[in-house]
Amino acid sequence: MTKKLHMSLNFSNLMDLKLLSTIIISMRNFITNFYRILNICKEFAGNRVNNLGNVSRRGVVPKFSDLEVIALGITAEAFHVDSENYLFYRLHKECGKELPNLISRRRFNARRKTTAILMGDIRKAVAKRIDGGEDVFCIDSKPYI
C-alpha cells in the first residue's frame, strides 16, 4: 500500500515540474511576442500616436506608452491569460529587466479603457490587411460535427 502511495506522489511531483517548466518557457515567449505585437501596433497606429507611442493629451507623459498597454492586452489575450492579477505578478517578478517601465494592474486597466478606441482601430486595420479575399480559412480548432 505504501509503495503505491509513494509512486503516485512521485508521479504528481513530476507533473507539477512539467507544468512549471511549461509556464517558465511561455513567459519567455510572452515577452518575445509582446515586442512583436508592439511593433505591429506601431506600424498600424500611424499618426494617431506621437513618437513615444502615446495618444496626445495634457499632463505627464507616461513611461509605459499607450501602444505598450495595447500590445500587452493583445498579447495576454493571445496567450489566453485569464487572470490579470496572476499575469502582473509574473511580469513584475520575472520580467523586470525586459519591461522596466511596467505599470501596475490598476493603471493598466484604467489606461486600457482610455485607449479602447485606438485598440479597436488597430485591430480592424490588421484584420483588413490579413483579409485577402480568401474563400477558405484554416481555423486552429476541432470542428463540431
N, C-alpha and C. Protein backbone atom coordinates (compact mmCIF):
# COMPACT_ATOMS: atom_id res chain seq x y z
N MET A 1 0.83 -1.19 0.00
CA MET A 1 0.00 0.00 0.00
C MET A 1 0.87 1.26 0.00
N THR A 2 1.90 1.30 0.81
CA THR A 2 2.75 2.48 0.87
C THR A 2 3.54 2.64 -0.41
N LYS A 3 3.87 1.54 -1.07
CA LYS A 3 4.61 1.62 -2.32
C LYS A 3 3.75 2.29 -3.40
N LYS A 4 2.47 1.96 -3.49
CA LYS A 4 1.58 2.58 -4.46
C LYS A 4 1.41 4.07 -4.15
N LEU A 5 1.25 4.40 -2.89
CA LEU A 5 1.10 5.79 -2.49
C LEU A 5 2.35 6.59 -2.84
N HIS A 6 3.53 6.01 -2.59
CA HIS A 6 4.79 6.66 -2.89
C HIS A 6 4.93 6.91 -4.39
N MET A 7 4.53 5.94 -5.21
CA MET A 7 4.62 6.09 -6.66
C MET A 7 3.68 7.19 -7.15
N SER A 8 2.49 7.28 -6.58
CA SER A 8 1.57 8.31 -7.04
C SER A 8 2.06 9.70 -6.64
N LEU A 9 2.71 9.82 -5.49
CA LEU A 9 3.26 11.11 -5.09
C LEU A 9 4.39 11.52 -6.03
N ASN A 10 5.23 10.57 -6.40
CA ASN A 10 6.31 10.87 -7.34
C ASN A 10 5.75 11.31 -8.70
N PHE A 11 4.71 10.63 -9.14
CA PHE A 11 4.10 10.99 -10.41
C PHE A 11 3.50 12.39 -10.35
N SER A 12 2.83 12.73 -9.26
CA SER A 12 2.24 14.06 -9.15
C SER A 12 3.32 15.13 -9.07
N ASN A 13 4.43 14.85 -8.41
CA ASN A 13 5.54 15.80 -8.37
C ASN A 13 6.12 16.01 -9.76
N LEU A 14 6.22 14.93 -10.53
CA LEU A 14 6.72 15.02 -11.89
C LEU A 14 5.79 15.88 -12.75
N MET A 15 4.50 15.70 -12.58
CA MET A 15 3.53 16.50 -13.33
C MET A 15 3.66 17.97 -12.97
N ASP A 16 3.84 18.29 -11.68
CA ASP A 16 4.00 19.67 -11.26
C ASP A 16 5.24 20.29 -11.87
N LEU A 17 6.34 19.54 -11.91
CA LEU A 17 7.56 20.06 -12.51
C LEU A 17 7.37 20.32 -14.00
N LYS A 18 6.68 19.43 -14.69
CA LYS A 18 6.43 19.59 -16.12
C LYS A 18 5.61 20.85 -16.37
N LEU A 19 4.55 21.07 -15.58
CA LEU A 19 3.72 22.24 -15.76
C LEU A 19 4.51 23.51 -15.45
N LEU A 20 5.35 23.49 -14.44
CA LEU A 20 6.13 24.66 -14.07
C LEU A 20 7.10 25.03 -15.18
N SER A 21 7.78 24.06 -15.78
CA SER A 21 8.71 24.38 -16.86
C SER A 21 7.97 24.92 -18.07
N THR A 22 6.76 24.46 -18.33
CA THR A 22 5.97 24.99 -19.43
C THR A 22 5.63 26.45 -19.19
N ILE A 23 5.28 26.79 -17.96
CA ILE A 23 4.95 28.18 -17.62
C ILE A 23 6.16 29.07 -17.79
N ILE A 24 7.33 28.62 -17.37
CA ILE A 24 8.54 29.43 -17.50
C ILE A 24 8.85 29.69 -18.97
N ILE A 25 8.76 28.68 -19.79
CA ILE A 25 9.01 28.85 -21.22
C ILE A 25 7.98 29.80 -21.81
N SER A 26 6.73 29.69 -21.40
CA SER A 26 5.73 30.55 -22.00
C SER A 26 5.92 32.01 -21.60
N MET A 27 6.52 32.31 -20.45
CA MET A 27 6.79 33.71 -20.10
C MET A 27 7.86 34.28 -21.01
N ARG A 28 8.86 33.48 -21.37
CA ARG A 28 9.85 33.95 -22.35
C ARG A 28 9.18 34.23 -23.68
N ASN A 29 8.30 33.32 -24.10
CA ASN A 29 7.56 33.52 -25.34
C ASN A 29 6.62 34.72 -25.24
N PHE A 30 6.07 34.94 -24.06
CA PHE A 30 5.16 36.07 -23.84
C PHE A 30 5.88 37.38 -24.14
N ILE A 31 7.07 37.55 -23.58
CA ILE A 31 7.82 38.79 -23.79
C ILE A 31 8.22 38.95 -25.25
N THR A 32 8.67 37.87 -25.87
CA THR A 32 9.05 37.93 -27.28
C THR A 32 7.87 38.35 -28.14
N ASN A 33 6.72 37.73 -27.90
CA ASN A 33 5.53 38.06 -28.69
C ASN A 33 4.99 39.44 -28.34
N PHE A 34 5.16 39.89 -27.11
CA PHE A 34 4.76 41.24 -26.73
C PHE A 34 5.49 42.26 -27.61
N TYR A 35 6.79 42.10 -27.78
CA TYR A 35 7.55 43.04 -28.59
C TYR A 35 7.19 42.94 -30.08
N ARG A 36 6.87 41.75 -30.55
CA ARG A 36 6.42 41.60 -31.93
C ARG A 36 5.09 42.33 -32.15
N ILE A 37 4.17 42.12 -31.22
CA ILE A 37 2.86 42.77 -31.32
C ILE A 37 3.00 44.28 -31.16
N LEU A 38 3.91 44.73 -30.31
CA LEU A 38 4.15 46.16 -30.16
C LEU A 38 4.61 46.78 -31.48
N ASN A 39 5.50 46.12 -32.18
CA ASN A 39 5.95 46.62 -33.49
C ASN A 39 4.81 46.67 -34.50
N ILE A 40 3.94 45.69 -34.47
CA ILE A 40 2.77 45.69 -35.37
C ILE A 40 1.85 46.85 -35.00
N CYS A 41 1.65 47.08 -33.70
CA CYS A 41 0.81 48.20 -33.26
C CYS A 41 1.39 49.53 -33.71
N LYS A 42 2.71 49.67 -33.63
CA LYS A 42 3.36 50.91 -34.07
C LYS A 42 3.12 51.13 -35.56
N GLU A 43 3.21 50.06 -36.33
CA GLU A 43 3.01 50.16 -37.77
C GLU A 43 1.59 50.59 -38.11
N PHE A 44 0.60 50.03 -37.42
CA PHE A 44 -0.79 50.29 -37.77
C PHE A 44 -1.38 51.51 -37.06
N ALA A 45 -0.72 52.03 -36.04
CA ALA A 45 -1.24 53.21 -35.33
C ALA A 45 -1.05 54.46 -36.18
N GLY A 46 0.01 54.48 -36.96
CA GLY A 46 0.25 55.61 -37.85
C GLY A 46 0.40 56.92 -37.11
N ASN A 47 -0.32 57.94 -37.57
CA ASN A 47 -0.19 59.26 -36.98
C ASN A 47 -1.16 59.50 -35.82
N ARG A 48 -1.82 58.45 -35.35
CA ARG A 48 -2.73 58.59 -34.21
C ARG A 48 -2.00 58.66 -32.88
N VAL A 49 -0.70 58.33 -32.90
CA VAL A 49 0.12 58.43 -31.69
C VAL A 49 1.36 59.26 -31.99
N ASN A 50 1.98 59.79 -30.93
CA ASN A 50 3.21 60.57 -31.13
C ASN A 50 4.41 59.63 -31.22
N ASN A 51 5.61 60.20 -31.29
CA ASN A 51 6.81 59.37 -31.48
C ASN A 51 7.12 58.50 -30.26
N LEU A 52 6.50 58.78 -29.10
CA LEU A 52 6.69 57.94 -27.92
C LEU A 52 5.65 56.83 -27.81
N GLY A 53 4.70 56.81 -28.74
CA GLY A 53 3.67 55.77 -28.74
C GLY A 53 2.47 56.12 -27.89
N ASN A 54 2.28 57.41 -27.58
CA ASN A 54 1.15 57.84 -26.76
C ASN A 54 0.18 58.68 -27.56
N VAL A 55 -1.10 58.56 -27.20
CA VAL A 55 -2.11 59.45 -27.74
C VAL A 55 -1.85 60.82 -27.13
N SER A 56 -1.89 61.86 -27.96
CA SER A 56 -1.60 63.21 -27.46
C SER A 56 -2.66 63.64 -26.44
N ARG A 57 -2.19 64.07 -25.26
CA ARG A 57 -3.07 64.57 -24.21
C ARG A 57 -2.25 65.40 -23.25
N ARG A 58 -2.93 66.15 -22.45
CA ARG A 58 -2.26 67.00 -21.48
C ARG A 58 -1.81 66.17 -20.28
N GLY A 59 -0.83 66.67 -19.59
CA GLY A 59 -0.40 66.01 -18.37
C GLY A 59 0.96 65.35 -18.51
N VAL A 60 1.26 64.53 -17.55
CA VAL A 60 2.54 63.84 -17.50
C VAL A 60 2.61 62.78 -18.59
N VAL A 61 3.74 62.69 -19.24
CA VAL A 61 3.95 61.67 -20.28
C VAL A 61 4.27 60.35 -19.59
N PRO A 62 3.46 59.32 -19.82
CA PRO A 62 3.70 58.04 -19.16
C PRO A 62 4.94 57.34 -19.71
N LYS A 63 5.64 56.61 -18.85
CA LYS A 63 6.82 55.86 -19.29
C LYS A 63 6.41 54.61 -20.05
N PHE A 64 5.32 53.98 -19.62
CA PHE A 64 4.77 52.81 -20.32
C PHE A 64 3.73 53.35 -21.29
N SER A 65 4.04 53.33 -22.58
CA SER A 65 3.24 54.04 -23.58
C SER A 65 1.87 53.40 -23.80
N ASP A 66 1.01 54.17 -24.47
CA ASP A 66 -0.32 53.67 -24.81
C ASP A 66 -0.24 52.46 -25.73
N LEU A 67 0.70 52.49 -26.66
CA LEU A 67 0.86 51.33 -27.55
C LEU A 67 1.34 50.10 -26.79
N GLU A 68 2.15 50.30 -25.75
CA GLU A 68 2.58 49.17 -24.92
C GLU A 68 1.40 48.60 -24.15
N VAL A 69 0.50 49.46 -23.69
CA VAL A 69 -0.71 49.00 -23.00
C VAL A 69 -1.55 48.15 -23.95
N ILE A 70 -1.72 48.65 -25.18
CA ILE A 70 -2.50 47.90 -26.18
C ILE A 70 -1.82 46.57 -26.51
N ALA A 71 -0.51 46.60 -26.72
CA ALA A 71 0.22 45.37 -27.06
C ALA A 71 0.17 44.36 -25.92
N LEU A 72 0.26 44.84 -24.68
CA LEU A 72 0.19 43.93 -23.53
C LEU A 72 -1.19 43.27 -23.45
N GLY A 73 -2.24 44.05 -23.70
CA GLY A 73 -3.59 43.49 -23.69
C GLY A 73 -3.79 42.45 -24.78
N ILE A 74 -3.31 42.74 -25.98
CA ILE A 74 -3.45 41.80 -27.09
C ILE A 74 -2.63 40.55 -26.84
N THR A 75 -1.42 40.71 -26.31
CA THR A 75 -0.57 39.55 -26.02
C THR A 75 -1.19 38.67 -24.95
N ALA A 76 -1.76 39.27 -23.92
CA ALA A 76 -2.42 38.49 -22.86
C ALA A 76 -3.60 37.71 -23.44
N GLU A 77 -4.35 38.33 -24.33
CA GLU A 77 -5.47 37.62 -24.97
C GLU A 77 -4.95 36.48 -25.83
N ALA A 78 -3.88 36.71 -26.56
CA ALA A 78 -3.33 35.68 -27.43
C ALA A 78 -2.82 34.48 -26.64
N PHE A 79 -2.32 34.73 -25.44
CA PHE A 79 -1.81 33.66 -24.58
C PHE A 79 -2.89 33.09 -23.67
N HIS A 80 -4.12 33.52 -23.84
CA HIS A 80 -5.27 33.04 -23.06
C HIS A 80 -5.04 33.22 -21.56
N VAL A 81 -4.51 34.37 -21.17
CA VAL A 81 -4.30 34.66 -19.75
C VAL A 81 -5.62 35.15 -19.18
N ASP A 82 -6.18 34.38 -18.26
CA ASP A 82 -7.48 34.72 -17.68
C ASP A 82 -7.36 35.67 -16.49
N SER A 83 -6.29 35.56 -15.75
CA SER A 83 -6.14 36.33 -14.52
C SER A 83 -5.11 37.44 -14.71
N GLU A 84 -5.58 38.68 -14.70
CA GLU A 84 -4.65 39.80 -14.79
C GLU A 84 -3.78 39.87 -13.54
N ASN A 85 -4.35 39.51 -12.42
CA ASN A 85 -3.59 39.52 -11.17
C ASN A 85 -2.38 38.59 -11.28
N TYR A 86 -2.60 37.39 -11.79
CA TYR A 86 -1.52 36.42 -11.98
C TYR A 86 -0.52 36.91 -13.03
N LEU A 87 -1.03 37.47 -14.13
CA LEU A 87 -0.16 37.97 -15.19
C LEU A 87 0.77 39.05 -14.65
N PHE A 88 0.25 40.03 -13.94
CA PHE A 88 1.08 41.11 -13.46
C PHE A 88 2.02 40.66 -12.35
N TYR A 89 1.60 39.69 -11.55
CA TYR A 89 2.51 39.12 -10.56
C TYR A 89 3.71 38.50 -11.26
N ARG A 90 3.46 37.70 -12.29
CA ARG A 90 4.55 37.05 -13.02
C ARG A 90 5.42 38.06 -13.76
N LEU A 91 4.79 39.05 -14.38
CA LEU A 91 5.56 40.05 -15.12
C LEU A 91 6.46 40.85 -14.19
N HIS A 92 5.93 41.32 -13.07
CA HIS A 92 6.74 42.09 -12.13
C HIS A 92 7.85 41.24 -11.52
N LYS A 93 7.54 39.97 -11.24
CA LYS A 93 8.51 39.10 -10.58
C LYS A 93 9.60 38.61 -11.53
N GLU A 94 9.24 38.24 -12.76
CA GLU A 94 10.17 37.54 -13.64
C GLU A 94 10.66 38.37 -14.82
N CYS A 95 9.98 39.43 -15.15
CA CYS A 95 10.31 40.15 -16.39
C CYS A 95 10.67 41.60 -16.13
N GLY A 96 11.26 41.88 -14.99
CA GLY A 96 11.63 43.25 -14.64
C GLY A 96 12.64 43.86 -15.59
N LYS A 97 13.59 43.05 -16.04
CA LYS A 97 14.62 43.56 -16.96
C LYS A 97 14.06 43.82 -18.35
N GLU A 98 13.16 42.95 -18.80
CA GLU A 98 12.59 43.09 -20.14
C GLU A 98 11.55 44.21 -20.20
N LEU A 99 10.85 44.46 -19.10
CA LEU A 99 9.83 45.51 -19.05
C LEU A 99 10.10 46.42 -17.86
N PRO A 100 11.12 47.27 -17.95
CA PRO A 100 11.50 48.08 -16.78
C PRO A 100 10.46 49.13 -16.39
N ASN A 101 9.62 49.56 -17.30
CA ASN A 101 8.63 50.61 -17.01
C ASN A 101 7.22 50.05 -16.85
N LEU A 102 7.10 48.76 -16.55
CA LEU A 102 5.79 48.13 -16.44
C LEU A 102 4.95 48.82 -15.37
N ILE A 103 3.69 49.09 -15.72
CA ILE A 103 2.80 49.77 -14.80
C ILE A 103 2.06 48.75 -13.93
N SER A 104 1.31 49.25 -12.97
CA SER A 104 0.53 48.37 -12.10
C SER A 104 -0.71 47.88 -12.84
N ARG A 105 -1.31 46.86 -12.30
CA ARG A 105 -2.53 46.29 -12.90
C ARG A 105 -3.66 47.31 -12.90
N ARG A 106 -3.79 48.09 -11.83
CA ARG A 106 -4.85 49.09 -11.73
C ARG A 106 -4.68 50.16 -12.81
N ARG A 107 -3.46 50.66 -12.98
CA ARG A 107 -3.22 51.68 -14.00
C ARG A 107 -3.37 51.10 -15.40
N PHE A 108 -2.99 49.83 -15.58
CA PHE A 108 -3.17 49.16 -16.87
C PHE A 108 -4.65 49.15 -17.25
N ASN A 109 -5.51 48.77 -16.33
CA ASN A 109 -6.94 48.72 -16.62
C ASN A 109 -7.50 50.10 -16.94
N ALA A 110 -7.07 51.12 -16.21
CA ALA A 110 -7.54 52.48 -16.46
C ALA A 110 -7.07 52.97 -17.84
N ARG A 111 -5.82 52.71 -18.17
CA ARG A 111 -5.29 53.15 -19.46
C ARG A 111 -5.88 52.34 -20.61
N ARG A 112 -6.20 51.09 -20.35
CA ARG A 112 -6.79 50.27 -21.41
C ARG A 112 -8.17 50.81 -21.80
N LYS A 113 -8.89 51.33 -20.82
CA LYS A 113 -10.20 51.93 -21.12
C LYS A 113 -10.04 53.17 -21.97
N THR A 114 -9.02 53.98 -21.69
CA THR A 114 -8.85 55.22 -22.45
C THR A 114 -8.29 54.96 -23.86
N THR A 115 -7.67 53.82 -24.07
CA THR A 115 -7.11 53.51 -25.39
C THR A 115 -7.96 52.50 -26.17
N ALA A 116 -9.19 52.25 -25.71
CA ALA A 116 -10.03 51.23 -26.34
C ALA A 116 -10.34 51.55 -27.80
N ILE A 117 -10.57 52.81 -28.11
CA ILE A 117 -10.89 53.17 -29.49
C ILE A 117 -9.68 52.94 -30.40
N LEU A 118 -8.50 53.37 -29.94
CA LEU A 118 -7.28 53.14 -30.72
C LEU A 118 -7.03 51.65 -30.90
N MET A 119 -7.25 50.87 -29.84
CA MET A 119 -7.05 49.42 -29.93
C MET A 119 -7.99 48.81 -30.97
N GLY A 120 -9.23 49.24 -30.97
CA GLY A 120 -10.19 48.75 -31.96
C GLY A 120 -9.79 49.12 -33.38
N ASP A 121 -9.30 50.36 -33.56
CA ASP A 121 -8.84 50.78 -34.89
C ASP A 121 -7.66 49.95 -35.37
N ILE A 122 -6.73 49.67 -34.47
CA ILE A 122 -5.56 48.85 -34.83
C ILE A 122 -5.99 47.43 -35.19
N ARG A 123 -6.89 46.86 -34.41
CA ARG A 123 -7.39 45.50 -34.71
C ARG A 123 -8.07 45.45 -36.08
N LYS A 124 -8.90 46.46 -36.37
CA LYS A 124 -9.59 46.50 -37.66
C LYS A 124 -8.60 46.63 -38.81
N ALA A 125 -7.58 47.47 -38.63
CA ALA A 125 -6.59 47.66 -39.69
C ALA A 125 -5.79 46.38 -39.94
N VAL A 126 -5.44 45.67 -38.86
CA VAL A 126 -4.71 44.41 -39.01
C VAL A 126 -5.60 43.38 -39.70
N ALA A 127 -6.86 43.29 -39.28
CA ALA A 127 -7.78 42.32 -39.89
C ALA A 127 -7.99 42.64 -41.37
N LYS A 128 -8.06 43.91 -41.71
CA LYS A 128 -8.25 44.30 -43.10
C LYS A 128 -7.04 43.91 -43.95
N ARG A 129 -5.84 44.08 -43.39
CA ARG A 129 -4.62 43.72 -44.13
C ARG A 129 -4.52 42.20 -44.27
N ILE A 130 -4.91 41.46 -43.24
CA ILE A 130 -4.83 39.99 -43.30
C ILE A 130 -5.83 39.43 -44.31
N ASP A 131 -7.02 40.03 -44.35
CA ASP A 131 -8.07 39.52 -45.23
C ASP A 131 -7.69 39.79 -46.68
N GLY A 132 -7.39 38.73 -47.36
CA GLY A 132 -7.02 38.85 -48.77
C GLY A 132 -8.11 38.39 -49.70
N GLY A 133 -9.33 38.30 -49.21
CA GLY A 133 -10.44 37.87 -50.04
C GLY A 133 -10.49 36.38 -50.26
N GLU A 134 -9.90 35.62 -49.33
CA GLU A 134 -9.90 34.17 -49.47
C GLU A 134 -11.31 33.61 -49.29
N ASP A 135 -11.55 32.47 -49.91
CA ASP A 135 -12.82 31.79 -49.75
C ASP A 135 -12.74 30.70 -48.69
N VAL A 136 -11.54 30.23 -48.38
CA VAL A 136 -11.35 29.15 -47.44
C VAL A 136 -10.41 29.65 -46.34
N PHE A 137 -10.76 29.35 -45.08
CA PHE A 137 -9.95 29.76 -43.95
C PHE A 137 -9.60 28.55 -43.10
N CYS A 138 -8.40 28.53 -42.57
CA CYS A 138 -7.95 27.46 -41.68
C CYS A 138 -8.12 27.95 -40.25
N ILE A 139 -8.88 27.21 -39.47
CA ILE A 139 -9.14 27.58 -38.08
C ILE A 139 -8.41 26.59 -37.20
N ASP A 140 -7.74 27.11 -36.19
CA ASP A 140 -6.95 26.27 -35.30
C ASP A 140 -7.82 25.71 -34.18
N SER A 141 -8.78 24.88 -34.54
CA SER A 141 -9.62 24.21 -33.54
C SER A 141 -10.29 23.02 -34.21
N LYS A 142 -10.86 22.17 -33.39
CA LYS A 142 -11.53 20.98 -33.90
C LYS A 142 -12.99 21.33 -34.26
N PRO A 143 -13.44 21.04 -35.46
CA PRO A 143 -14.83 21.38 -35.82
C PRO A 143 -15.83 20.47 -35.11
N TYR A 144 -16.98 21.05 -34.78
CA TYR A 144 -18.06 20.26 -34.21
C TYR A 144 -18.82 19.56 -35.32
N ILE A 145 -19.16 18.31 -35.08
CA ILE A 145 -19.92 17.55 -36.10
C ILE A 145 -21.26 17.19 -35.54
